[in-house]
Amino acid sequence: MRHRKGYRTLSVDSDRRKHLLRNLAIALIEHHRIETTDAKAKELVRFISKLITIAKDDNLTSRRRVLAKLNNNKLAVRKLFDDIAPRFAQRNGGYVRIIKKGYRKGDAAPISIVEFVE
């Protein structure tokens, strides 16, 4: 049973998982579209959706909260607040989509494309 299981561990400890999600989020913000495994993509959607929701309210507190989550990457935070969040101002969720791509050649891991909607 999977009762009360809040997230996927991705077979790494909590520090590596946090850094992994930060790096994936920064890559998605910079490139607007990335490829990763299905499990990582599903966790990334949860992570980036919360950041976009915070970024929709553009004030100093929001910028500091997002800056802390993105490991002080000022370029990514600026792009999130100036380019991405205003596009979703009228939207209440569903900022990111996952498209199943297939399987990776080396280990047959399921691969997905993660991209922003609109």
PDB file of N, CA and C in Angstrom:
ATOM      1  N   MET A   1       0.845  -1.188   0.000  1.00  0.00           N
ATOM      2  CA  MET A   1       0.000   0.000   0.000  1.00  0.00           C
ATOM      3  C   MET A   1       0.880   1.237   0.000  1.00  0.00           C
ATOM      4  N   ARG A   2       0.396   2.302  -0.597  1.00  0.00           N
ATOM      5  CA  ARG A   2       1.188   3.519  -0.616  1.00  0.00           C
ATOM      6  C   ARG A   2       0.529   4.633   0.179  1.00  0.00           C
ATOM      7  N   HIS A   3      -0.164   4.284   1.243  1.00  0.00           N
ATOM      8  CA  HIS A   3      -0.807   5.303   2.061  1.00  0.00           C
ATOM      9  C   HIS A   3       0.242   6.187   2.732  1.00  0.00           C
ATOM     10  N   ARG A   4      -0.017   7.480   2.728  1.00  0.00           N
ATOM     11  CA  ARG A   4       0.812   8.489   3.405  1.00  0.00           C
ATOM     12  C   ARG A   4       2.234   8.560   2.865  1.00  0.00           C
ATOM     13  N   LYS A   5       2.425   8.221   1.617  1.00  0.00           N
ATOM     14  CA  LYS A   5       3.713   8.391   0.972  1.00  0.00           C
ATOM     15  C   LYS A   5       3.649   9.714   0.212  1.00  0.00           C
ATOM     16  N   GLY A   6       4.404  10.701   0.644  1.00  0.00           N
ATOM     17  CA  GLY A   6       4.227  12.050   0.124  1.00  0.00           C
ATOM     18  C   GLY A   6       4.937  12.336  -1.173  1.00  0.00           C
ATOM     19  N   TYR A   7       6.021  11.635  -1.477  1.00  0.00           N
ATOM     20  CA  TYR A   7       6.819  11.974  -2.643  1.00  0.00           C
ATOM     21  C   TYR A   7       7.649  10.773  -3.065  1.00  0.00           C
ATOM     22  N   ARG A   8       8.264  10.880  -4.226  1.00  0.00           N
ATOM     23  CA  ARG A   8       9.153   9.833  -4.719  1.00  0.00           C
ATOM     24  C   ARG A   8      10.556  10.102  -4.189  1.00  0.00           C
ATOM     25  N   THR A   9      11.214   9.080  -3.716  1.00  0.00           N
ATOM     26  CA  THR A   9      12.551   9.277  -3.176  1.00  0.00           C
ATOM     27  C   THR A   9      13.607   9.305  -4.271  1.00  0.00           C
ATOM     28  N   LEU A  10      13.319   8.806  -5.443  1.00  0.00           N
ATOM     29  CA  LEU A  10      14.223   8.774  -6.592  1.00  0.00           C
ATOM     30  C   LEU A  10      15.524   8.045  -6.275  1.00  0.00           C
ATOM     31  N   SER A  11      15.489   7.176  -5.299  1.00  0.00           N
ATOM     32  CA  SER A  11      16.624   6.332  -4.897  1.00  0.00           C
ATOM     33  C   SER A  11      17.859   7.119  -4.484  1.00  0.00           C
ATOM     34  N   VAL A  12      17.652   8.304  -3.929  1.00  0.00           N
ATOM     35  CA  VAL A  12      18.755   9.108  -3.408  1.00  0.00           C
ATOM     36  C   VAL A  12      18.342   9.688  -2.060  1.00  0.00           C
ATOM     37  N   ASP A  13      19.326  10.182  -1.303  1.00  0.00           N
ATOM     38  CA  ASP A  13      18.984  10.789  -0.019  1.00  0.00           C
ATOM     39  C   ASP A  13      18.393  12.179  -0.235  1.00  0.00           C
ATOM     40  N   SER A  14      17.931  12.802   0.843  1.00  0.00           N
ATOM     41  CA  SER A  14      17.149  14.025   0.718  1.00  0.00           C
ATOM     42  C   SER A  14      17.963  15.190   0.151  1.00  0.00           C
ATOM     43  N   ASP A  15      19.234  15.312   0.519  1.00  0.00           N
ATOM     44  CA  ASP A  15      20.046  16.411  -0.008  1.00  0.00           C
ATOM     45  C   ASP A  15      20.243  16.295  -1.513  1.00  0.00           C
ATOM     46  N   ARG A  16      20.572  15.104  -1.977  1.00  0.00           N
ATOM     47  CA  ARG A  16      20.755  14.913  -3.414  1.00  0.00           C
ATOM     48  C   ARG A  16      19.446  15.132  -4.166  1.00  0.00           C
ATOM     49  N   ARG A  17      18.330  14.722  -3.571  1.00  0.00           N
ATOM     50  CA  ARG A  17      17.025  14.906  -4.213  1.00  0.00           C
ATOM     51  C   ARG A  17      16.695  16.394  -4.333  1.00  0.00           C
ATOM     52  N   LYS A  18      16.952  17.167  -3.286  1.00  0.00           N
ATOM     53  CA  LYS A  18      16.687  18.606  -3.334  1.00  0.00           C
ATOM     54  C   LYS A  18      17.552  19.281  -4.397  1.00  0.00           C
ATOM     55  N   HIS A  19      18.822  18.927  -4.445  1.00  0.00           N
ATOM     56  CA  HIS A  19      19.706  19.510  -5.453  1.00  0.00           C
ATOM     57  C   HIS A  19      19.292  19.102  -6.860  1.00  0.00           C
ATOM     58  N   LEU A  20      18.878  17.854  -7.017  1.00  0.00           N
ATOM     59  CA  LEU A  20      18.418  17.377  -8.319  1.00  0.00           C
ATOM     60  C   LEU A  20      17.208  18.172  -8.790  1.00  0.00           C
ATOM     61  N   LEU A  21      16.224  18.372  -7.914  1.00  0.00           N
ATOM     62  CA  LEU A  21      15.028  19.114  -8.296  1.00  0.00           C
ATOM     63  C   LEU A  21      15.354  20.578  -8.581  1.00  0.00           C
ATOM     64  N   ARG A  22      16.266  21.153  -7.808  1.00  0.00           N
ATOM     65  CA  ARG A  22      16.683  22.528  -8.077  1.00  0.00           C
ATOM     66  C   ARG A  22      17.305  22.645  -9.460  1.00  0.00           C
ATOM     67  N   ASN A  23      18.214  21.733  -9.771  1.00  0.00           N
ATOM     68  CA  ASN A  23      18.894  21.794 -11.063  1.00  0.00           C
ATOM     69  C   ASN A  23      17.933  21.553 -12.220  1.00  0.00           C
ATOM     70  N   LEU A  24      16.994  20.618 -12.053  1.00  0.00           N
ATOM     71  CA  LEU A  24      15.998  20.393 -13.102  1.00  0.00           C
ATOM     72  C   LEU A  24      15.108  21.612 -13.286  1.00  0.00           C
ATOM     73  N   ALA A  25      14.716  22.249 -12.178  1.00  0.00           N
ATOM     74  CA  ALA A  25      13.866  23.438 -12.264  1.00  0.00           C
ATOM     75  C   ALA A  25      14.600  24.579 -12.954  1.00  0.00           C
ATOM     76  N   ILE A  26      15.865  24.772 -12.615  1.00  0.00           N
ATOM     77  CA  ILE A  26      16.650  25.835 -13.253  1.00  0.00           C
ATOM     78  C   ILE A  26      16.792  25.565 -14.750  1.00  0.00           C
ATOM     79  N   ALA A  27      17.034  24.313 -15.112  1.00  0.00           N
ATOM     80  CA  ALA A  27      17.146  23.963 -16.527  1.00  0.00           C
ATOM     81  C   ALA A  27      15.830  24.201 -17.257  1.00  0.00           C
ATOM     82  N   LEU A  28      14.713  23.865 -16.625  1.00  0.00           N
ATOM     83  CA  LEU A  28      13.407  24.082 -17.251  1.00  0.00           C
ATOM     84  C   LEU A  28      13.128  25.567 -17.426  1.00  0.00           C
ATOM     85  N   ILE A  29      13.475  26.374 -16.432  1.00  0.00           N
ATOM     86  CA  ILE A  29      13.257  27.815 -16.527  1.00  0.00           C
ATOM     87  C   ILE A  29      14.115  28.407 -17.643  1.00  0.00           C
ATOM     88  N   GLU A  30      15.346  27.954 -17.762  1.00  0.00           N
ATOM     89  CA  GLU A  30      16.242  28.514 -18.771  1.00  0.00           C
ATOM     90  C   GLU A  30      15.894  28.060 -20.186  1.00  0.00           C
ATOM     91  N   HIS A  31      15.517  26.791 -20.348  1.00  0.00           N
ATOM     92  CA  HIS A  31      15.329  26.235 -21.691  1.00  0.00           C
ATOM     93  C   HIS A  31      13.868  26.032 -22.084  1.00  0.00           C
ATOM     94  N   HIS A  32      12.935  26.162 -21.148  1.00  0.00           N
ATOM     95  CA  HIS A  32      11.492  26.009 -21.371  1.00  0.00           C
ATOM     96  C   HIS A  32      11.069  24.594 -21.743  1.00  0.00           C
ATOM     97  N   ARG A  33      12.024  23.683 -21.912  1.00  0.00           N
ATOM     98  CA  ARG A  33      11.689  22.304 -22.284  1.00  0.00           C
ATOM     99  C   ARG A  33      12.899  21.429 -22.003  1.00  0.00           C
ATOM    100  N   ILE A  34      12.682  20.334 -21.250  1.00  0.00           N
ATOM    101  CA  ILE A  34      13.779  19.415 -20.954  1.00  0.00           C
ATOM    102  C   ILE A  34      13.295  17.984 -21.077  1.00  0.00           C
ATOM    103  N   GLU A  35      14.239  17.071 -21.200  1.00  0.00           N
ATOM    104  CA  GLU A  35      13.940  15.636 -21.205  1.00  0.00           C
ATOM    105  C   GLU A  35      14.524  15.014 -19.949  1.00  0.00           C
ATOM    106  N   THR A  36      13.730  14.165 -19.294  1.00  0.00           N
ATOM    107  CA  THR A  36      14.186  13.469 -18.098  1.00  0.00           C
ATOM    108  C   THR A  36      13.349  12.214 -17.924  1.00  0.00           C
ATOM    109  N   THR A  37      13.645  11.435 -16.907  1.00  0.00           N
ATOM    110  CA  THR A  37      12.876  10.216 -16.677  1.00  0.00           C
ATOM    111  C   THR A  37      11.487  10.561 -16.149  1.00  0.00           C
ATOM    112  N   ASP A  38      10.572   9.608 -16.234  1.00  0.00           N
ATOM    113  CA  ASP A  38       9.190   9.850 -15.822  1.00  0.00           C
ATOM    114  C   ASP A  38       9.077  10.235 -14.351  1.00  0.00           C
ATOM    115  N   ALA A  39       9.760   9.518 -13.476  1.00  0.00           N
ATOM    116  CA  ALA A  39       9.656   9.778 -12.046  1.00  0.00           C
ATOM    117  C   ALA A  39      10.191  11.172 -11.708  1.00  0.00           C
ATOM    118  N   LYS A  40      11.322  11.537 -12.304  1.00  0.00           N
ATOM    119  CA  LYS A  40      11.883  12.864 -12.063  1.00  0.00           C
ATOM    120  C   LYS A  40      10.962  13.942 -12.620  1.00  0.00           C
ATOM    121  N   ALA A  41      10.351  13.683 -13.753  1.00  0.00           N
ATOM    122  CA  ALA A  41       9.447  14.651 -14.363  1.00  0.00           C
ATOM    123  C   ALA A  41       8.231  14.903 -13.480  1.00  0.00           C
ATOM    124  N   LYS A  42       7.677  13.849 -12.915  1.00  0.00           N
ATOM    125  CA  LYS A  42       6.497  14.001 -12.062  1.00  0.00           C
ATOM    126  C   LYS A  42       6.825  14.780 -10.794  1.00  0.00           C
ATOM    127  N   GLU A  43       7.992  14.559 -10.219  1.00  0.00           N
ATOM    128  CA  GLU A  43       8.401  15.327  -9.048  1.00  0.00           C
ATOM    129  C   GLU A  43       8.727  16.772  -9.428  1.00  0.00           C
ATOM    130  N   LEU A  44       9.304  16.970 -10.603  1.00  0.00           N
ATOM    131  CA  LEU A  44       9.630  18.314 -11.049  1.00  0.00           C
ATOM    132  C   LEU A  44       8.374  19.155 -11.240  1.00  0.00           C
ATOM    133  N   VAL A  45       7.314  18.563 -11.743  1.00  0.00           N
ATOM    134  CA  VAL A  45       6.066  19.298 -11.935  1.00  0.00           C
ATOM    135  C   VAL A  45       5.542  19.806 -10.602  1.00  0.00           C
ATOM    136  N   ARG A  46       5.611  18.987  -9.568  1.00  0.00           N
ATOM    137  CA  ARG A  46       5.173  19.427  -8.241  1.00  0.00           C
ATOM    138  C   ARG A  46       6.028  20.586  -7.743  1.00  0.00           C
ATOM    139  N   PHE A  47       7.329  20.489  -7.950  1.00  0.00           N
ATOM    140  CA  PHE A  47       8.259  21.493  -7.451  1.00  0.00           C
ATOM    141  C   PHE A  47       8.106  22.825  -8.187  1.00  0.00           C
ATOM    142  N   ILE A  48       8.064  22.777  -9.508  1.00  0.00           N
ATOM    143  CA  ILE A  48       8.040  24.012 -10.296  1.00  0.00           C
ATOM    144  C   ILE A  48       6.670  24.692 -10.226  1.00  0.00           C
ATOM    145  N   SER A  49       5.610  23.918 -10.047  1.00  0.00           N
ATOM    146  CA  SER A  49       4.279  24.521  -9.938  1.00  0.00           C
ATOM    147  C   SER A  49       4.168  25.390  -8.692  1.00  0.00           C
ATOM    148  N   LYS A  50       4.761  24.942  -7.611  1.00  0.00           N
ATOM    149  CA  LYS A  50       4.754  25.743  -6.384  1.00  0.00           C
ATOM    150  C   LYS A  50       5.556  27.026  -6.569  1.00  0.00           C
ATOM    151  N   LEU A  51       6.680  26.931  -7.277  1.00  0.00           N
ATOM    152  CA  LEU A  51       7.492  28.124  -7.518  1.00  0.00           C
ATOM    153  C   LEU A  51       6.753  29.143  -8.388  1.00  0.00           C
ATOM    154  N   ILE A  52       6.052  28.674  -9.397  1.00  0.00           N
ATOM    155  CA  ILE A  52       5.316  29.589 -10.271  1.00  0.00           C
ATOM    156  C   ILE A  52       4.173  30.253  -9.505  1.00  0.00           C
ATOM    157  N   THR A  53       3.513  29.498  -8.646  1.00  0.00           N
ATOM    158  CA  THR A  53       2.433  30.060  -7.848  1.00  0.00           C
ATOM    159  C   THR A  53       2.965  31.159  -6.933  1.00  0.00           C
ATOM    160  N   ILE A  54       4.120  30.946  -6.340  1.00  0.00           N
ATOM    161  CA  ILE A  54       4.737  31.983  -5.512  1.00  0.00           C
ATOM    162  C   ILE A  54       5.139  33.173  -6.371  1.00  0.00           C
ATOM    163  N   ALA A  55       5.673  32.922  -7.551  1.00  0.00           N
ATOM    164  CA  ALA A  55       6.183  33.988  -8.420  1.00  0.00           C
ATOM    165  C   ALA A  55       5.068  34.840  -9.020  1.00  0.00           C
ATOM    166  N   LYS A  56       3.858  34.346  -9.058  1.00  0.00           N
ATOM    167  CA  LYS A  56       2.757  35.135  -9.608  1.00  0.00           C
ATOM    168  C   LYS A  56       2.490  36.381  -8.765  1.00  0.00           C
ATOM    169  N   ASP A  57       2.792  36.314  -7.475  1.00  0.00           N
ATOM    170  CA  ASP A  57       2.670  37.474  -6.598  1.00  0.00           C
ATOM    171  C   ASP A  57       4.050  38.114  -6.497  1.00  0.00           C
ATOM    172  N   ASP A  58       4.310  39.092  -7.346  1.00  0.00           N
ATOM    173  CA  ASP A  58       5.653  39.654  -7.474  1.00  0.00           C
ATOM    174  C   ASP A  58       5.910  40.690  -6.387  1.00  0.00           C
ATOM    175  N   ASN A  59       6.561  40.272  -5.313  1.00  0.00           N
ATOM    176  CA  ASN A  59       7.023  41.192  -4.286  1.00  0.00           C
ATOM    177  C   ASN A  59       8.350  40.676  -3.731  1.00  0.00           C
ATOM    178  N   LEU A  60       8.932  41.415  -2.818  1.00  0.00           N
ATOM    179  CA  LEU A  60      10.258  41.080  -2.313  1.00  0.00           C
ATOM    180  C   LEU A  60      10.274  39.745  -1.583  1.00  0.00           C
ATOM    181  N   THR A  61       9.247  39.485  -0.807  1.00  0.00           N
ATOM    182  CA  THR A  61       9.181  38.224  -0.067  1.00  0.00           C
ATOM    183  C   THR A  61       9.116  37.035  -1.010  1.00  0.00           C
ATOM    184  N   SER A  62       8.317  37.151  -2.051  1.00  0.00           N
ATOM    185  CA  SER A  62       8.207  36.068  -3.025  1.00  0.00           C
ATOM    186  C   SER A  62       9.531  35.829  -3.725  1.00  0.00           C
ATOM    187  N   ARG A  63      10.208  36.905  -4.102  1.00  0.00           N
ATOM    188  CA  ARG A  63      11.494  36.755  -4.768  1.00  0.00           C
ATOM    189  C   ARG A  63      12.508  36.073  -3.864  1.00  0.00           C
ATOM    190  N   ARG A  64      12.507  36.425  -2.587  1.00  0.00           N
ATOM    191  CA  ARG A  64      13.449  35.799  -1.660  1.00  0.00           C
ATOM    192  C   ARG A  64      13.128  34.331  -1.439  1.00  0.00           C
ATOM    193  N   ARG A  65      11.844  33.993  -1.360  1.00  0.00           N
ATOM    194  CA  ARG A  65      11.459  32.588  -1.182  1.00  0.00           C
ATOM    195  C   ARG A  65      11.883  31.741  -2.373  1.00  0.00           C
ATOM    196  N   VAL A  66      11.639  32.248  -3.576  1.00  0.00           N
ATOM    197  CA  VAL A  66      12.018  31.506  -4.777  1.00  0.00           C
ATOM    198  C   VAL A  66      13.535  31.452  -4.911  1.00  0.00           C
ATOM    199  N   LEU A  67      14.208  32.530  -4.569  1.00  0.00           N
ATOM    200  CA  LEU A  67      15.670  32.563  -4.625  1.00  0.00           C
ATOM    201  C   LEU A  67      16.263  31.506  -3.705  1.00  0.00           C
ATOM    202  N   ALA A  68      15.684  31.330  -2.533  1.00  0.00           N
ATOM    203  CA  ALA A  68      16.164  30.301  -1.605  1.00  0.00           C
ATOM    204  C   ALA A  68      15.922  28.903  -2.159  1.00  0.00           C
ATOM    205  N   LYS A  69      14.794  28.700  -2.821  1.00  0.00           N
ATOM    206  CA  LYS A  69      14.491  27.383  -3.389  1.00  0.00           C
ATOM    207  C   LYS A  69      15.378  27.050  -4.580  1.00  0.00           C
ATOM    208  N   LEU A  70      15.801  28.081  -5.321  1.00  0.00           N
ATOM    209  CA  LEU A  70      16.608  27.857  -6.519  1.00  0.00           C
ATOM    210  C   LEU A  70      18.098  28.079  -6.265  1.00  0.00           C
ATOM    211  N   ASN A  71      18.517  27.988  -5.026  1.00  0.00           N
ATOM    212  CA  ASN A  71      19.936  27.993  -4.682  1.00  0.00           C
ATOM    213  C   ASN A  71      20.640  29.267  -5.148  1.00  0.00           C
ATOM    214  N   ASN A  72      19.969  30.405  -4.935  1.00  0.00           N
ATOM    215  CA  ASN A  72      20.530  31.725  -5.231  1.00  0.00           C
ATOM    216  C   ASN A  72      20.932  31.913  -6.689  1.00  0.00           C
ATOM    217  N   ASN A  73      20.201  31.315  -7.598  1.00  0.00           N
ATOM    218  CA  ASN A  73      20.435  31.510  -9.026  1.00  0.00           C
ATOM    219  C   ASN A  73      19.606  32.719  -9.472  1.00  0.00           C
ATOM    220  N   LYS A  74      20.229  33.894  -9.459  1.00  0.00           N
ATOM    221  CA  LYS A  74      19.507  35.137  -9.702  1.00  0.00           C
ATOM    222  C   LYS A  74      19.001  35.245 -11.133  1.00  0.00           C
ATOM    223  N   LEU A  75      19.727  34.687 -12.066  1.00  0.00           N
ATOM    224  CA  LEU A  75      19.304  34.739 -13.465  1.00  0.00           C
ATOM    225  C   LEU A  75      18.003  33.952 -13.675  1.00  0.00           C
ATOM    226  N   ALA A  76      17.931  32.768 -13.090  1.00  0.00           N
ATOM    227  CA  ALA A  76      16.723  31.948 -13.215  1.00  0.00           C
ATOM    228  C   ALA A  76      15.538  32.596 -12.511  1.00  0.00           C
ATOM    229  N   VAL A  77      15.780  33.198 -11.353  1.00  0.00           N
ATOM    230  CA  VAL A  77      14.699  33.857 -10.619  1.00  0.00           C
ATOM    231  C   VAL A  77      14.178  35.050 -11.414  1.00  0.00           C
ATOM    232  N   ARG A  78      15.089  35.821 -11.996  1.00  0.00           N
ATOM    233  CA  ARG A  78      14.669  36.970 -12.800  1.00  0.00           C
ATOM    234  C   ARG A  78      13.838  36.531 -13.998  1.00  0.00           C
ATOM    235  N   LYS A  79      14.265  35.467 -14.652  1.00  0.00           N
ATOM    236  CA  LYS A  79      13.527  34.964 -15.817  1.00  0.00           C
ATOM    237  C   LYS A  79      12.162  34.417 -15.402  1.00  0.00           C
ATOM    238  N   LEU A  80      12.112  33.754 -14.250  1.00  0.00           N
ATOM    239  CA  LEU A  80      10.840  33.219 -13.751  1.00  0.00           C
ATOM    240  C   LEU A  80       9.856  34.339 -13.457  1.00  0.00           C
ATOM    241  N   PHE A  81      10.310  35.393 -12.775  1.00  0.00           N
ATOM    242  CA  PHE A  81       9.411  36.486 -12.398  1.00  0.00           C
ATOM    243  C   PHE A  81       9.063  37.393 -13.570  1.00  0.00           C
ATOM    244  N   ASP A  82      10.001  37.620 -14.480  1.00  0.00           N
ATOM    245  CA  ASP A  82       9.760  38.575 -15.563  1.00  0.00           C
ATOM    246  C   ASP A  82       9.114  37.963 -16.794  1.00  0.00           C
ATOM    247  N   ASP A  83       9.423  36.699 -17.105  1.00  0.00           N
ATOM    248  CA  ASP A  83       8.927  36.098 -18.340  1.00  0.00           C
ATOM    249  C   ASP A  83       7.846  35.045 -18.115  1.00  0.00           C
ATOM    250  N   ILE A  84       8.087  34.133 -17.183  1.00  0.00           N
ATOM    251  CA  ILE A  84       7.223  32.958 -17.058  1.00  0.00           C
ATOM    252  C   ILE A  84       5.979  33.225 -16.228  1.00  0.00           C
ATOM    253  N   ALA A  85       6.143  33.792 -15.039  1.00  0.00           N
ATOM    254  CA  ALA A  85       4.996  34.002 -14.143  1.00  0.00           C
ATOM    255  C   ALA A  85       3.920  34.912 -14.736  1.00  0.00           C
ATOM    256  N   PRO A  86       4.261  36.001 -15.432  1.00  0.00           N
ATOM    257  CA  PRO A  86       3.194  36.829 -16.021  1.00  0.00           C
ATOM    258  C   PRO A  86       2.356  36.092 -17.066  1.00  0.00           C
ATOM    259  N   ARG A  87       2.935  35.088 -17.737  1.00  0.00           N
ATOM    260  CA  ARG A  87       2.154  34.310 -18.706  1.00  0.00           C
ATOM    261  C   ARG A  87       1.053  33.516 -18.033  1.00  0.00           C
ATOM    262  N   PHE A  88       1.264  33.155 -16.772  1.00  0.00           N
ATOM    263  CA  PHE A  88       0.295  32.319 -16.057  1.00  0.00           C
ATOM    264  C   PHE A  88      -0.508  33.110 -15.036  1.00  0.00           C
ATOM    265  N   ALA A  89      -0.588  34.415 -15.185  1.00  0.00           N
ATOM    266  CA  ALA A  89      -1.275  35.254 -14.201  1.00  0.00           C
ATOM    267  C   ALA A  89      -2.758  34.903 -14.083  1.00  0.00           C
ATOM    268  N   GLN A  90      -3.392  34.541 -15.186  1.00  0.00           N
ATOM    269  CA  GLN A  90      -4.826  34.228 -15.169  1.00  0.00           C
ATOM    270  C   GLN A  90      -5.101  32.736 -15.020  1.00  0.00           C
ATOM    271  N   ARG A  91      -4.070  31.951 -14.842  1.00  0.00           N
ATOM    272  CA  ARG A  91      -4.222  30.493 -14.790  1.00  0.00           C
ATOM    273  C   ARG A  91      -4.082  30.022 -13.350  1.00  0.00           C
ATOM    274  N   ASN A  92      -4.918  29.073 -12.933  1.00  0.00           N
ATOM    275  CA  ASN A  92      -4.931  28.613 -11.552  1.00  0.00           C
ATOM    276  C   ASN A  92      -4.152  27.328 -11.314  1.00  0.00           C
ATOM    277  N   GLY A  93      -3.397  26.884 -12.249  1.00  0.00           N
ATOM    278  CA  GLY A  93      -2.624  25.661 -12.091  1.00  0.00           C
ATOM    279  C   GLY A  93      -2.404  25.035 -13.450  1.00  0.00           C
ATOM    280  N   GLY A  94      -1.700  23.928 -13.477  1.00  0.00           N
ATOM    281  CA  GLY A  94      -1.443  23.258 -14.738  1.00  0.00           C
ATOM    282  C   GLY A  94      -0.487  24.035 -15.605  1.00  0.00           C
ATOM    283  N   TYR A  95       0.609  24.514 -15.015  1.00  0.00           N
ATOM    284  CA  TYR A  95       1.562  25.337 -15.742  1.00  0.00           C
ATOM    285  C   TYR A  95       2.511  24.509 -16.608  1.00  0.00           C
ATOM    286  N   VAL A  96       2.670  23.241 -16.267  1.00  0.00           N
ATOM    287  CA  VAL A  96       3.672  22.394 -16.904  1.00  0.00           C
ATOM    288  C   VAL A  96       3.002  21.131 -17.422  1.00  0.00           C
ATOM    289  N   ARG A  97       3.451  20.650 -18.575  1.00  0.00           N
ATOM    290  CA  ARG A  97       2.913  19.391 -19.108  1.00  0.00           C
ATOM    291  C   ARG A  97       4.036  18.386 -19.248  1.00  0.00           C
ATOM    292  N   ILE A  98       3.650  17.115 -19.139  1.00  0.00           N
ATOM    293  CA  ILE A  98       4.576  16.002 -19.329  1.00  0.00           C
ATOM    294  C   ILE A  98       4.130  15.238 -20.567  1.00  0.00           C
ATOM    295  N   ILE A  99       5.048  15.029 -21.493  1.00  0.00           N
ATOM    296  CA  ILE A  99       4.767  14.261 -22.701  1.00  0.00           C
ATOM    297  C   ILE A  99       5.669  13.030 -22.673  1.00  0.00           C
ATOM    298  N   LYS A 100       5.080  11.860 -22.744  1.00  0.00           N
ATOM    299  CA  LYS A 100       5.858  10.626 -22.746  1.00  0.00           C
ATOM    300  C   LYS A 100       6.583  10.496 -24.079  1.00  0.00           C
ATOM    301  N   LYS A 101       7.887  10.230 -24.013  1.00  0.00           N
ATOM    302  CA  LYS A 101       8.681  10.173 -25.240  1.00  0.00           C
ATOM    303  C   LYS A 101       8.999   8.746 -25.665  1.00  0.00           C
ATOM    304  N   GLY A 102       9.271   7.892 -24.722  1.00  0.00           N
ATOM    305  CA  GLY A 102       9.664   6.529 -25.063  1.00  0.00           C
ATOM    306  C   GLY A 102      10.591   5.987 -24.006  1.00  0.00           C
ATOM    307  N   TYR A 103      11.560   5.201 -24.442  1.00  0.00           N
ATOM    308  CA  TYR A 103      12.488   4.569 -23.509  1.00  0.00           C
ATOM    309  C   TYR A 103      13.919   4.920 -23.883  1.00  0.00           C
ATOM    310  N   ARG A 104      14.748   5.108 -22.867  1.00  0.00           N
ATOM    311  CA  ARG A 104      16.147   5.424 -23.080  1.00  0.00           C
ATOM    312  C   ARG A 104      16.876   4.199 -23.609  1.00  0.00           C
ATOM    313  N   LYS A 105      17.800   4.417 -24.512  1.00  0.00           N
ATOM    314  CA  LYS A 105      18.464   3.310 -25.188  1.00  0.00           C
ATOM    315  C   LYS A 105      19.324   2.467 -24.249  1.00  0.00           C
ATOM    316  N   GLY A 106      20.050   3.094 -23.336  1.00  0.00           N
ATOM    317  CA  GLY A 106      20.992   2.351 -22.506  1.00  0.00           C
ATOM    318  C   GLY A 106      20.355   1.442 -21.488  1.00  0.00           C
ATOM    319  N   ASP A 107      19.416   1.971 -20.702  1.00  0.00           N
ATOM    320  CA  ASP A 107      18.850   1.178 -19.607  1.00  0.00           C
ATOM    321  C   ASP A 107      17.338   1.010 -19.699  1.00  0.00           C
ATOM    322  N   ALA A 108      16.746   1.438 -20.787  1.00  0.00           N
ATOM    323  CA  ALA A 108      15.308   1.298 -21.037  1.00  0.00           C
ATOM    324  C   ALA A 108      14.462   2.020 -19.997  1.00  0.00           C
ATOM    325  N   ALA A 109      14.992   3.110 -19.432  1.00  0.00           N
ATOM    326  CA  ALA A 109      14.204   3.917 -18.501  1.00  0.00           C
ATOM    327  C   ALA A 109      13.195   4.741 -19.301  1.00  0.00           C
ATOM    328  N   PRO A 110      11.970   4.864 -18.811  1.00  0.00           N
ATOM    329  CA  PRO A 110      10.973   5.671 -19.525  1.00  0.00           C
ATOM    330  C   PRO A 110      11.349   7.155 -19.483  1.00  0.00           C
ATOM    331  N   ILE A 111      11.334   7.796 -20.647  1.00  0.00           N
ATOM    332  CA  ILE A 111      11.752   9.190 -20.787  1.00  0.00           C
ATOM    333  C   ILE A 111      10.540  10.057 -21.104  1.00  0.00           C
ATOM    334  N   SER A 112      10.520  11.261 -20.518  1.00  0.00           N
ATOM    335  CA  SER A 112       9.444  12.225 -20.757  1.00  0.00           C
ATOM    336  C   SER A 112      10.021  13.581 -21.117  1.00  0.00           C
ATOM    337  N   ILE A 113       9.211  14.357 -21.794  1.00  0.00           N
ATOM    338  CA  ILE A 113       9.540  15.752 -22.085  1.00  0.00           C
ATOM    339  C   ILE A 113       8.699  16.610 -21.152  1.00  0.00           C
ATOM    340  N   VAL A 114       9.345  17.536 -20.458  1.00  0.00           N
ATOM    341  CA  VAL A 114       8.653  18.456 -19.557  1.00  0.00           C
ATOM    342  C   VAL A 114       8.748  19.833 -20.177  1.00  0.00           C
ATOM    343  N   GLU A 115       7.593  20.505 -20.324  1.00  0.00           N
ATOM    344  CA  GLU A 115       7.583  21.832 -20.934  1.00  0.00           C
ATOM    345  C   GLU A 115       6.477  22.681 -20.333  1.00  0.00           C
ATOM    346  N   PHE A 116       6.614  23.984 -20.469  1.00  0.00           N
ATOM    347  CA  PHE A 116       5.581  24.900 -19.996  1.00  0.00           C
ATOM    348  C   PHE A 116       4.410  24.885 -20.961  1.00  0.00           C
ATOM    349  N   VAL A 117       3.213  25.055 -20.426  1.00  0.00           N
ATOM    350  CA  VAL A 117       2.010  25.148 -21.246  1.00  0.00           C
ATOM    351  C   VAL A 117       1.968  26.550 -21.849  1.00  0.00           C
ATOM    352  N   GLU A 118       1.358  26.724 -22.967  1.00  0.00           N
ATOM    353  CA  GLU A 118       1.220  27.982 -23.719  1.00  0.00           C
ATOM    354  C   GLU A 118       2.497  28.333 -24.419  1.00  0.00           C
TER     355      GLU A 118
END
